[in-house]
PDB file of N, CA and C in Angstrom:
ATOM      1  N   UNK A   1     107.252 138.170 106.191  1.00  0.00           N
ATOM      2  CA  UNK A   1     106.116 137.341 106.536  1.00  0.00           C
ATOM      3  C   UNK A   1     106.169 137.051 108.032  1.00  0.00           C
ATOM      4  N   UNK A   2     105.075 137.356 108.746  1.00  0.00           N
ATOM      5  CA  UNK A   2     105.073 137.116 110.196  1.00  0.00           C
ATOM      6  C   UNK A   2     105.064 135.614 110.498  1.00  0.00           C
ATOM      7  N   UNK A   3     105.680 135.282 111.594  1.00  0.00           N
ATOM      8  CA  UNK A   3     105.672 133.888 112.021  1.00  0.00           C
ATOM      9  C   UNK A   3     104.857 133.771 113.297  1.00  0.00           C
ATOM     10  N   UNK A   4     104.241 132.630 113.476  1.00  0.00           N
ATOM     11  CA  UNK A   4     103.456 132.363 114.670  1.00  0.00           C
ATOM     12  C   UNK A   4     104.227 131.385 115.526  1.00  0.00           C
ATOM     13  N   UNK A   5     104.463 131.762 116.738  1.00  0.00           N
ATOM     14  CA  UNK A   5     105.138 130.858 117.649  1.00  0.00           C
ATOM     15  C   UNK A   5     104.145 129.812 118.125  1.00  0.00           C
ATOM     16  N   UNK A   6     104.519 128.550 118.109  1.00  0.00           N
ATOM     17  CA  UNK A   6     103.562 127.508 118.486  1.00  0.00           C
ATOM     18  C   UNK A   6     103.166 127.549 119.950  1.00  0.00           C
ATOM     19  N   UNK A   7     103.909 128.277 120.765  1.00  0.00           N
ATOM     20  CA  UNK A   7     103.590 128.313 122.188  1.00  0.00           C
ATOM     21  C   UNK A   7     103.131 129.695 122.640  1.00  0.00           C
ATOM     22  N   UNK A   8     102.676 130.505 121.699  1.00  0.00           N
ATOM     23  CA  UNK A   8     102.138 131.820 122.033  1.00  0.00           C
ATOM     24  C   UNK A   8     100.844 131.627 122.832  1.00  0.00           C
ATOM     25  N   UNK A   9     100.523 132.538 123.738  1.00  0.00           N
ATOM     26  CA  UNK A   9      99.310 132.394 124.567  1.00  0.00           C
ATOM     27  C   UNK A   9      98.035 132.183 123.754  1.00  0.00           C
ATOM     28  N   UNK A  10      97.903 132.904 122.639  1.00  0.00           N
ATOM     29  CA  UNK A  10      96.682 132.731 121.844  1.00  0.00           C
ATOM     30  C   UNK A  10      96.612 131.350 121.192  1.00  0.00           C
ATOM     31  N   UNK A  11      97.768 130.775 120.839  1.00  0.00           N
ATOM     32  CA  UNK A  11      97.779 129.420 120.285  1.00  0.00           C
ATOM     33  C   UNK A  11      97.408 128.394 121.348  1.00  0.00           C
ATOM     34  N   UNK A  12      97.886 128.610 122.564  1.00  0.00           N
ATOM     35  CA  UNK A  12      97.530 127.691 123.660  1.00  0.00           C
ATOM     36  C   UNK A  12      96.045 127.792 123.975  1.00  0.00           C
ATOM     37  N   UNK A  13      95.494 128.990 123.922  1.00  0.00           N
ATOM     38  CA  UNK A  13      94.062 129.170 124.168  1.00  0.00           C
ATOM     39  C   UNK A  13      93.250 128.416 123.126  1.00  0.00           C
ATOM     40  N   UNK A  14      93.620 128.575 121.872  1.00  0.00           N
ATOM     41  CA  UNK A  14      92.915 127.881 120.788  1.00  0.00           C
ATOM     42  C   UNK A  14      93.031 126.372 120.955  1.00  0.00           C
ATOM     43  N   UNK A  15      94.222 125.894 121.271  1.00  0.00           N
ATOM     44  CA  UNK A  15      94.429 124.449 121.427  1.00  0.00           C
ATOM     45  C   UNK A  15      93.574 123.878 122.548  1.00  0.00           C
ATOM     46  N   UNK A  16      93.510 124.556 123.681  1.00  0.00           N
ATOM     47  CA  UNK A  16      92.725 124.016 124.797  1.00  0.00           C
ATOM     48  C   UNK A  16      91.237 123.998 124.475  1.00  0.00           C
ATOM     49  N   UNK A  17      90.750 124.995 123.755  1.00  0.00           N
ATOM     50  CA  UNK A  17      89.342 125.025 123.356  1.00  0.00           C
ATOM     51  C   UNK A  17      89.053 123.913 122.358  1.00  0.00           C
ATOM     52  N   UNK A  18      89.949 123.716 121.391  1.00  0.00           N
ATOM     53  CA  UNK A  18      89.758 122.644 120.404  1.00  0.00           C
ATOM     54  C   UNK A  18      89.689 121.277 121.082  1.00  0.00           C
ATOM     55  N   UNK A  19      90.564 121.045 122.038  1.00  0.00           N
ATOM     56  CA  UNK A  19      90.565 119.767 122.753  1.00  0.00           C
ATOM     57  C   UNK A  19      89.255 119.576 123.512  1.00  0.00           C
ATOM     58  N   UNK A  20      88.801 120.607 124.212  1.00  0.00           N
ATOM     59  CA  UNK A  20      87.568 120.506 124.988  1.00  0.00           C
ATOM     60  C   UNK A  20      86.359 120.253 124.080  1.00  0.00           C
ATOM     61  N   UNK A  21      86.293 120.940 122.946  1.00  0.00           N
ATOM     62  CA  UNK A  21      85.182 120.743 122.007  1.00  0.00           C
ATOM     63  C   UNK A  21      85.221 119.333 121.435  1.00  0.00           C
ATOM     64  N   UNK A  22      86.386 118.870 121.056  1.00  0.00           N
ATOM     65  CA  UNK A  22      86.506 117.507 120.518  1.00  0.00           C
ATOM     66  C   UNK A  22      86.061 116.480 121.547  1.00  0.00           C
ATOM     67  N   UNK A  23      86.418 116.670 122.814  1.00  0.00           N
ATOM     68  CA  UNK A  23      86.003 115.742 123.864  1.00  0.00           C
ATOM     69  C   UNK A  23      84.487 115.734 124.021  1.00  0.00           C
ATOM     70  N   UNK A  24      83.869 116.900 123.962  1.00  0.00           N
ATOM     71  CA  UNK A  24      82.396 116.973 124.070  1.00  0.00           C
ATOM     72  C   UNK A  24      81.734 116.293 122.877  1.00  0.00           C
ATOM     73  N   UNK A  25      82.242 116.526 121.669  1.00  0.00           N
ATOM     74  CA  UNK A  25      81.664 115.876 120.490  1.00  0.00           C
ATOM     75  C   UNK A  25      81.847 114.364 120.542  1.00  0.00           C
ATOM     76  N   UNK A  26      82.976 113.912 121.073  1.00  0.00           N
ATOM     77  CA  UNK A  26      83.216 112.469 121.196  1.00  0.00           C
ATOM     78  C   UNK A  26      82.198 111.832 122.140  1.00  0.00           C
ATOM     79  N   UNK A  27      81.788 112.553 123.174  1.00  0.00           N
ATOM     80  CA  UNK A  27      80.739 112.039 124.053  1.00  0.00           C
ATOM     81  C   UNK A  27      79.464 111.762 123.263  1.00  0.00           C
ATOM     82  N   UNK A  28      79.128 112.659 122.363  1.00  0.00           N
ATOM     83  CA  UNK A  28      77.937 112.458 121.529  1.00  0.00           C
ATOM     84  C   UNK A  28      78.134 111.320 120.541  1.00  0.00           C
ATOM     85  N   UNK A  29      79.290 111.289 119.899  1.00  0.00           N
ATOM     86  CA  UNK A  29      79.544 110.247 118.893  1.00  0.00           C
ATOM     87  C   UNK A  29      79.428 108.846 119.479  1.00  0.00           C
ATOM     88  N   UNK A  30      79.796 108.697 120.735  1.00  0.00           N
ATOM     89  CA  UNK A  30      79.820 107.365 121.348  1.00  0.00           C
ATOM     90  C   UNK A  30      78.632 107.119 122.278  1.00  0.00           C
ATOM     91  N   UNK A  31      77.714 108.052 122.354  1.00  0.00           N
ATOM     92  CA  UNK A  31      76.556 107.921 123.229  1.00  0.00           C
ATOM     93  C   UNK A  31      75.619 106.818 122.739  1.00  0.00           C
ATOM     94  N   UNK A  32      75.053 106.091 123.681  1.00  0.00           N
ATOM     95  CA  UNK A  32      74.057 105.075 123.332  1.00  0.00           C
ATOM     96  C   UNK A  32      72.765 105.722 122.842  1.00  0.00           C
ATOM     97  N   UNK A  33      72.477 106.915 123.332  1.00  0.00           N
ATOM     98  CA  UNK A  33      71.252 107.615 122.947  1.00  0.00           C
ATOM     99  C   UNK A  33      71.584 109.093 122.735  1.00  0.00           C
ATOM    100  N   UNK A  34      71.899 109.415 121.518  1.00  0.00           N
ATOM    101  CA  UNK A  34      72.307 110.773 121.143  1.00  0.00           C
ATOM    102  C   UNK A  34      71.258 111.806 121.549  1.00  0.00           C
ATOM    103  N   UNK A  35      70.013 111.553 121.215  1.00  0.00           N
ATOM    104  CA  UNK A  35      68.948 112.510 121.508  1.00  0.00           C
ATOM    105  C   UNK A  35      68.763 112.703 123.010  1.00  0.00           C
ATOM    106  N   UNK A  36      68.828 111.635 123.765  1.00  0.00           N
ATOM    107  CA  UNK A  36      68.682 111.744 125.216  1.00  0.00           C
ATOM    108  C   UNK A  36      69.812 112.580 125.815  1.00  0.00           C
ATOM    109  N   UNK A  37      71.041 112.334 125.356  1.00  0.00           N
ATOM    110  CA  UNK A  37      72.179 113.095 125.873  1.00  0.00           C
ATOM    111  C   UNK A  37      72.032 114.582 125.557  1.00  0.00           C
ATOM    112  N   UNK A  38      71.637 114.904 124.332  1.00  0.00           N
ATOM    113  CA  UNK A  38      71.426 116.303 123.961  1.00  0.00           C
ATOM    114  C   UNK A  38      70.315 116.922 124.802  1.00  0.00           C
ATOM    115  N   UNK A  39      69.211 116.223 124.940  1.00  0.00           N
ATOM    116  CA  UNK A  39      68.069 116.748 125.684  1.00  0.00           C
ATOM    117  C   UNK A  39      68.399 117.002 127.145  1.00  0.00           C
ATOM    118  N   UNK A  40      69.088 116.064 127.768  1.00  0.00           N
ATOM    119  CA  UNK A  40      69.422 116.215 129.176  1.00  0.00           C
ATOM    120  C   UNK A  40      70.436 117.330 129.406  1.00  0.00           C
ATOM    121  N   UNK A  41      71.484 117.373 128.600  1.00  0.00           N
ATOM    122  CA  UNK A  41      72.514 118.397 128.789  1.00  0.00           C
ATOM    123  C   UNK A  41      72.012 119.800 128.480  1.00  0.00           C
ATOM    124  N   UNK A  42      71.183 119.916 127.457  1.00  0.00           N
ATOM    125  CA  UNK A  42      70.725 121.245 127.028  1.00  0.00           C
ATOM    126  C   UNK A  42      69.353 121.613 127.584  1.00  0.00           C
ATOM    127  N   UNK A  43      68.715 120.651 128.252  1.00  0.00           N
ATOM    128  CA  UNK A  43      67.390 120.874 128.820  1.00  0.00           C
ATOM    129  C   UNK A  43      66.420 121.362 127.742  1.00  0.00           C
ATOM    130  N   UNK A  44      66.383 120.626 126.635  1.00  0.00           N
ATOM    131  CA  UNK A  44      65.487 120.966 125.540  1.00  0.00           C
ATOM    132  C   UNK A  44      65.001 119.689 124.869  1.00  0.00           C
ATOM    133  N   UNK A  45      64.300 119.851 123.759  1.00  0.00           N
ATOM    134  CA  UNK A  45      63.789 118.706 123.019  1.00  0.00           C
ATOM    135  C   UNK A  45      64.061 118.897 121.540  1.00  0.00           C
ATOM    136  N   UNK A  46      64.167 117.780 120.834  1.00  0.00           N
ATOM    137  CA  UNK A  46      64.463 117.815 119.407  1.00  0.00           C
ATOM    138  C   UNK A  46      63.423 118.597 118.619  1.00  0.00           C
ATOM    139  N   UNK A  47      62.185 118.608 119.085  1.00  0.00           N
ATOM    140  CA  UNK A  47      61.130 119.289 118.342  1.00  0.00           C
ATOM    141  C   UNK A  47      61.351 120.787 118.216  1.00  0.00           C
ATOM    142  N   UNK A  48      62.290 121.349 118.976  1.00  0.00           N
ATOM    143  CA  UNK A  48      62.615 122.774 118.854  1.00  0.00           C
ATOM    144  C   UNK A  48      63.481 123.058 117.623  1.00  0.00           C
ATOM    145  N   UNK A  49      64.029 122.022 116.998  1.00  0.00           N
ATOM    146  CA  UNK A  49      65.013 122.179 115.918  1.00  0.00           C
ATOM    147  C   UNK A  49      64.413 121.658 114.616  1.00  0.00           C
ATOM    148  N   UNK A  50      64.196 122.573 113.657  1.00  0.00           N
ATOM    149  CA  UNK A  50      63.411 122.239 112.475  1.00  0.00           C
ATOM    150  C   UNK A  50      64.209 122.020 111.201  1.00  0.00           C
ATOM    151  N   UNK A  51      65.495 122.155 111.237  1.00  0.00           N
ATOM    152  CA  UNK A  51      66.261 121.976 110.011  1.00  0.00           C
ATOM    153  C   UNK A  51      67.721 121.745 110.321  1.00  0.00           C
ATOM    154  N   UNK A  52      68.499 121.449 109.297  1.00  0.00           N
ATOM    155  CA  UNK A  52      69.923 121.165 109.495  1.00  0.00           C
ATOM    156  C   UNK A  52      70.692 122.276 110.202  1.00  0.00           C
ATOM    157  N   UNK A  53      70.463 123.530 109.837  1.00  0.00           N
ATOM    158  CA  UNK A  53      71.207 124.629 110.469  1.00  0.00           C
ATOM    159  C   UNK A  53      70.887 124.711 111.962  1.00  0.00           C
ATOM    160  N   UNK A  54      69.633 124.503 112.322  1.00  0.00           N
ATOM    161  CA  UNK A  54      69.257 124.538 113.737  1.00  0.00           C
ATOM    162  C   UNK A  54      69.837 123.349 114.501  1.00  0.00           C
ATOM    163  N   UNK A  55      69.873 122.174 113.856  1.00  0.00           N
ATOM    164  CA  UNK A  55      70.462 121.003 114.523  1.00  0.00           C
ATOM    165  C   UNK A  55      71.977 121.172 114.668  1.00  0.00           C
ATOM    166  N   UNK A  56      72.649 121.768 113.676  1.00  0.00           N
ATOM    167  CA  UNK A  56      74.089 122.044 113.793  1.00  0.00           C
ATOM    168  C   UNK A  56      74.340 123.030 114.921  1.00  0.00           C
ATOM    169  N   UNK A  57      73.479 124.041 115.053  1.00  0.00           N
ATOM    170  CA  UNK A  57      73.618 125.005 116.146  1.00  0.00           C
ATOM    171  C   UNK A  57      73.396 124.316 117.493  1.00  0.00           C
ATOM    172  N   UNK A  58      72.516 123.322 117.524  1.00  0.00           N
ATOM    173  CA  UNK A  58      72.306 122.554 118.760  1.00  0.00           C
ATOM    174  C   UNK A  58      73.576 121.800 119.143  1.00  0.00           C
ATOM    175  N   UNK A  59      74.261 121.218 118.159  1.00  0.00           N
ATOM    176  CA  UNK A  59      75.524 120.535 118.442  1.00  0.00           C
ATOM    177  C   UNK A  59      76.575 121.527 118.918  1.00  0.00           C
ATOM    178  N   UNK A  60      76.577 122.723 118.330  1.00  0.00           N
ATOM    179  CA  UNK A  60      77.500 123.774 118.788  1.00  0.00           C
ATOM    180  C   UNK A  60      77.239 124.105 120.255  1.00  0.00           C
ATOM    181  N   UNK A  61      75.968 124.272 120.585  1.00  0.00           N
ATOM    182  CA  UNK A  61      75.598 124.596 121.967  1.00  0.00           C
ATOM    183  C   UNK A  61      76.058 123.495 122.919  1.00  0.00           C
ATOM    184  N   UNK A  62      75.859 122.233 122.526  1.00  0.00           N
ATOM    185  CA  UNK A  62      76.305 121.113 123.358  1.00  0.00           C
ATOM    186  C   UNK A  62      77.827 121.120 123.490  1.00  0.00           C
ATOM    187  N   UNK A  63      78.514 121.283 122.373  1.00  0.00           N
ATOM    188  CA  UNK A  63      79.978 121.194 122.365  1.00  0.00           C
ATOM    189  C   UNK A  63      80.640 122.293 123.184  1.00  0.00           C
ATOM    190  N   UNK A  64      79.984 123.431 123.298  1.00  0.00           N
ATOM    191  CA  UNK A  64      80.586 124.557 124.012  1.00  0.00           C
ATOM    192  C   UNK A  64      80.008 124.751 125.415  1.00  0.00           C
ATOM    193  N   UNK A  65      79.070 123.906 125.781  1.00  0.00           N
ATOM    194  CA  UNK A  65      78.412 124.017 127.085  1.00  0.00           C
ATOM    195  C   UNK A  65      79.434 123.884 128.207  1.00  0.00           C
ATOM    196  N   UNK A  66      79.486 124.876 129.078  1.00  0.00           N
ATOM    197  CA  UNK A  66      80.364 124.891 130.245  1.00  0.00           C
ATOM    198  C   UNK A  66      81.860 124.816 129.906  1.00  0.00           C
ATOM    199  N   UNK A  67      82.222 125.315 128.733  1.00  0.00           N
ATOM    200  CA  UNK A  67      83.633 125.372 128.329  1.00  0.00           C
ATOM    201  C   UNK A  67      84.052 126.845 128.340  1.00  0.00           C
ATOM    202  N   UNK A  68      85.213 127.131 128.909  1.00  0.00           N
ATOM    203  CA  UNK A  68      85.781 128.473 128.837  1.00  0.00           C
ATOM    204  C   UNK A  68      86.345 128.638 127.426  1.00  0.00           C
ATOM    205  N   UNK A  69      85.695 129.447 126.624  1.00  0.00           N
ATOM    206  CA  UNK A  69      86.113 129.611 125.225  1.00  0.00           C
ATOM    207  C   UNK A  69      87.343 130.488 125.071  1.00  0.00           C
ATOM    208  N   UNK A  70      87.833 131.077 126.128  1.00  0.00           N
ATOM    209  CA  UNK A  70      89.076 131.846 126.128  1.00  0.00           C
ATOM    210  C   UNK A  70      89.181 132.814 124.955  1.00  0.00           C
ATOM    211  N   UNK A  71      88.066 133.485 124.642  1.00  0.00           N
ATOM    212  CA  UNK A  71      88.072 134.465 123.566  1.00  0.00           C
ATOM    213  C   UNK A  71      87.803 133.890 122.187  1.00  0.00           C
ATOM    214  N   UNK A  72      87.636 132.588 122.087  1.00  0.00           N
ATOM    215  CA  UNK A  72      87.337 131.961 120.794  1.00  0.00           C
ATOM    216  C   UNK A  72      85.867 132.150 120.452  1.00  0.00           C
ATOM    217  N   UNK A  73      85.587 132.172 119.165  1.00  0.00           N
ATOM    218  CA  UNK A  73      84.203 132.126 118.698  1.00  0.00           C
ATOM    219  C   UNK A  73      84.005 130.781 118.012  1.00  0.00           C
ATOM    220  N   UNK A  74      82.815 130.246 118.160  1.00  0.00           N
ATOM    221  CA  UNK A  74      82.498 128.933 117.598  1.00  0.00           C
ATOM    222  C   UNK A  74      81.175 129.040 116.859  1.00  0.00           C
ATOM    223  N   UNK A  75      81.145 128.482 115.665  1.00  0.00           N
ATOM    224  CA  UNK A  75      79.905 128.434 114.892  1.00  0.00           C
ATOM    225  C   UNK A  75      79.968 127.241 113.946  1.00  0.00           C
ATOM    226  N   UNK A  76      78.810 126.744 113.518  1.00  0.00           N
ATOM    227  CA  UNK A  76      78.831 125.645 112.546  1.00  0.00           C
ATOM    228  C   UNK A  76      79.557 126.071 111.269  1.00  0.00           C
ATOM    229  N   UNK A  77      80.258 125.132 110.660  1.00  0.00           N
ATOM    230  CA  UNK A  77      80.900 125.418 109.380  1.00  0.00           C
ATOM    231  C   UNK A  77      79.819 125.670 108.328  1.00  0.00           C
ATOM    232  N   UNK A  78      80.208 126.292 107.251  1.00  0.00           N
ATOM    233  CA  UNK A  78      79.255 126.632 106.205  1.00  0.00           C
ATOM    234  C   UNK A  78      78.561 125.394 105.640  1.00  0.00           C
ATOM    235  N   UNK A  79      79.289 124.270 105.547  1.00  0.00           N
ATOM    236  CA  UNK A  79      78.692 123.050 105.013  1.00  0.00           C
ATOM    237  C   UNK A  79      77.953 122.228 106.071  1.00  0.00           C
ATOM    238  N   UNK A  80      77.963 122.686 107.324  1.00  0.00           N
ATOM    239  CA  UNK A  80      77.298 122.046 108.463  1.00  0.00           C
ATOM    240  C   UNK A  80      77.885 120.672 108.799  1.00  0.00           C
ATOM    241  N   UNK A  81      79.151 120.450 108.448  1.00  0.00           N
ATOM    242  CA  UNK A  81      79.819 119.186 108.761  1.00  0.00           C
ATOM    243  C   UNK A  81      80.699 119.279 109.998  1.00  0.00           C
ATOM    244  N   UNK A  82      80.722 120.440 110.630  1.00  0.00           N
ATOM    245  CA  UNK A  82      81.575 120.592 111.800  1.00  0.00           C
ATOM    246  C   UNK A  82      81.406 121.968 112.415  1.00  0.00           C
ATOM    247  N   UNK A  83      82.342 122.299 113.299  1.00  0.00           N
ATOM    248  CA  UNK A  83      82.339 123.590 113.961  1.00  0.00           C
ATOM    249  C   UNK A  83      83.609 124.352 113.605  1.00  0.00           C
ATOM    250  N   UNK A  84      83.461 125.618 113.265  1.00  0.00           N
ATOM    251  CA  UNK A  84      84.599 126.493 112.993  1.00  0.00           C
ATOM    252  C   UNK A  84      84.937 127.224 114.282  1.00  0.00           C
ATOM    253  N   UNK A  85      86.155 127.018 114.761  1.00  0.00           N
ATOM    254  CA  UNK A  85      86.627 127.653 115.989  1.00  0.00           C
ATOM    255  C   UNK A  85      87.629 128.720 115.574  1.00  0.00           C
ATOM    256  N   UNK A  86      87.367 129.988 115.969  1.00  0.00           N
ATOM    257  CA  UNK A  86      88.204 131.112 115.548  1.00  0.00           C
ATOM    258  C   UNK A  86      88.819 131.799 116.755  1.00  0.00           C
ATOM    259  N   UNK A  87      90.099 132.163 116.597  1.00  0.00           N
ATOM    260  CA  UNK A  87      90.796 132.921 117.637  1.00  0.00           C
ATOM    261  C   UNK A  87      91.996 133.610 117.007  1.00  0.00           C
ATOM    262  N   UNK A  88      92.156 134.870 117.266  1.00  0.00           N
ATOM    263  CA  UNK A  88      93.309 135.658 116.808  1.00  0.00           C
ATOM    264  C   UNK A  88      93.609 135.467 115.322  1.00  0.00           C
ATOM    265  N   UNK A  89      92.585 135.502 114.497  1.00  0.00           N
ATOM    266  CA  UNK A  89      92.790 135.393 113.060  1.00  0.00           C
ATOM    267  C   UNK A  89      92.966 133.986 112.540  1.00  0.00           C
ATOM    268  N   UNK A  90      92.944 133.002 113.409  1.00  0.00           N
ATOM    269  CA  UNK A  90      93.065 131.598 112.999  1.00  0.00           C
ATOM    270  C   UNK A  90      91.699 130.936 113.081  1.00  0.00           C
ATOM    271  N   UNK A  91      91.390 130.090 112.112  1.00  0.00           N
ATOM    272  CA  UNK A  91      90.155 129.305 112.122  1.00  0.00           C
ATOM    273  C   UNK A  91      90.519 127.841 111.940  1.00  0.00           C
ATOM    274  N   UNK A  92      89.991 127.011 112.827  1.00  0.00           N
ATOM    275  CA  UNK A  92      90.211 125.572 112.749  1.00  0.00           C
ATOM    276  C   UNK A  92      88.845 124.899 112.778  1.00  0.00           C
ATOM    277  N   UNK A  93      88.630 123.941 111.893  1.00  0.00           N
ATOM    278  CA  UNK A  93      87.368 123.203 111.865  1.00  0.00           C
ATOM    279  C   UNK A  93      87.500 121.904 112.645  1.00  0.00           C
ATOM    280  N   UNK A  94      86.519 121.661 113.503  1.00  0.00           N
ATOM    281  CA  UNK A  94      86.405 120.402 114.223  1.00  0.00           C
ATOM    282  C   UNK A  94      85.225 119.686 113.583  1.00  0.00           C
ATOM    283  N   UNK A  95      85.491 118.545 112.955  1.00  0.00           N
ATOM    284  CA  UNK A  95      84.454 117.866 112.190  1.00  0.00           C
ATOM    285  C   UNK A  95      83.530 117.062 113.099  1.00  0.00           C
ATOM    286  N   UNK A  96      82.247 116.993 112.719  1.00  0.00           N
ATOM    287  CA  UNK A  96      81.265 116.251 113.497  1.00  0.00           C
ATOM    288  C   UNK A  96      81.470 114.745 113.402  1.00  0.00           C
ATOM    289  N   UNK A  97      81.818 114.260 112.232  1.00  0.00           N
ATOM    290  CA  UNK A  97      81.886 112.815 112.020  1.00  0.00           C
ATOM    291  C   UNK A  97      80.568 112.316 111.445  1.00  0.00           C
ATOM    292  N   UNK A  98      80.578 111.087 110.967  1.00  0.00           N
ATOM    293  CA  UNK A  98      79.448 110.519 110.240  1.00  0.00           C
ATOM    294  C   UNK A  98      78.153 110.516 111.046  1.00  0.00           C
ATOM    295  N   UNK A  99      78.215 110.077 112.273  1.00  0.00           N
ATOM    296  CA  UNK A  99      76.988 109.975 113.083  1.00  0.00           C
ATOM    297  C   UNK A  99      76.356 111.348 113.315  1.00  0.00           C
ATOM    298  N   UNK A 100      77.162 112.337 113.652  1.00  0.00           N
ATOM    299  CA  UNK A 100      76.611 113.651 113.950  1.00  0.00           C
ATOM    300  C   UNK A 100      76.199 114.407 112.689  1.00  0.00           C
ATOM    301  N   UNK A 101      76.888 114.200 111.571  1.00  0.00           N
ATOM    302  CA  UNK A 101      76.428 114.834 110.330  1.00  0.00           C
ATOM    303  C   UNK A 101      75.115 114.205 109.888  1.00  0.00           C
ATOM    304  N   UNK A 102      74.934 112.917 110.176  1.00  0.00           N
ATOM    305  CA  UNK A 102      73.642 112.275 109.917  1.00  0.00           C
ATOM    306  C   UNK A 102      72.544 112.909 110.742  1.00  0.00           C
ATOM    307  N   UNK A 103      72.842 113.167 112.013  1.00  0.00           N
ATOM    308  CA  UNK A 103      71.873 113.848 112.875  1.00  0.00           C
ATOM    309  C   UNK A 103      71.524 115.225 112.305  1.00  0.00           C
ATOM    310  N   UNK A 104      72.539 115.979 111.913  1.00  0.00           N
ATOM    311  CA  UNK A 104      72.300 117.323 111.358  1.00  0.00           C
ATOM    312  C   UNK A 104      71.411 117.234 110.119  1.00  0.00           C
ATOM    313  N   UNK A 105      71.633 116.225 109.285  1.00  0.00           N
ATOM    314  CA  UNK A 105      70.849 116.059 108.055  1.00  0.00           C
ATOM    315  C   UNK A 105      69.462 115.503 108.324  1.00  0.00           C
ATOM    316  N   UNK A 106      69.217 115.054 109.564  1.00  0.00           N
ATOM    317  CA  UNK A 106      67.910 114.492 109.894  1.00  0.00           C
ATOM    318  C   UNK A 106      67.813 113.017 109.606  1.00  0.00           C
ATOM    319  N   UNK A 107      68.951 112.374 109.413  1.00  0.00           N
ATOM    320  CA  UNK A 107      69.009 110.938 109.130  1.00  0.00           C
ATOM    321  C   UNK A 107      69.484 110.217 110.373  1.00  0.00           C
ATOM    322  N   UNK A 108      68.749 109.200 110.780  1.00  0.00           N
ATOM    323  CA  UNK A 108      69.164 108.415 111.935  1.00  0.00           C
ATOM    324  C   UNK A 108      70.115 107.330 111.449  1.00  0.00           C
ATOM    325  N   UNK A 109      71.345 107.387 111.933  1.00  0.00           N
ATOM    326  CA  UNK A 109      72.348 106.403 111.546  1.00  0.00           C
ATOM    327  C   UNK A 109      72.515 105.379 112.664  1.00  0.00           C
ATOM    328  N   UNK A 110      72.768 104.123 112.296  1.00  0.00           N
ATOM    329  CA  UNK A 110      73.003 103.112 113.349  1.00  0.00           C
ATOM    330  C   UNK A 110      74.266 103.443 114.113  1.00  0.00           C
ATOM    331  N   UNK A 111      74.281 103.054 115.379  1.00  0.00           N
ATOM    332  CA  UNK A 111      75.461 103.299 116.227  1.00  0.00           C
ATOM    333  C   UNK A 111      76.625 102.441 115.808  1.00  0.00           C
TER     334      UNK A 111
END
């Protein structure tokens, strides 16, 4: 059975991307105006997004904006509760949290 060294270059790449994505999502989670932050950063409007999958993709776009993905791929999880980050055969999910899953579902949750 192969072993993965915790300090292998591909593991460090995945870790740095996960940290950067989590930091970007935390900005949204704690924003006073979620929609304004998304609109300003992405230079778009909510009316472009018509369903949960499109809103999850919008969060993906925000979370990965100006981040060096270091060979990682990022996409919404199948259940649309987070982002699946893949690198070198490893997949790690970064969860949106209650406020952002509410946004994806089209429900406005109190801050």
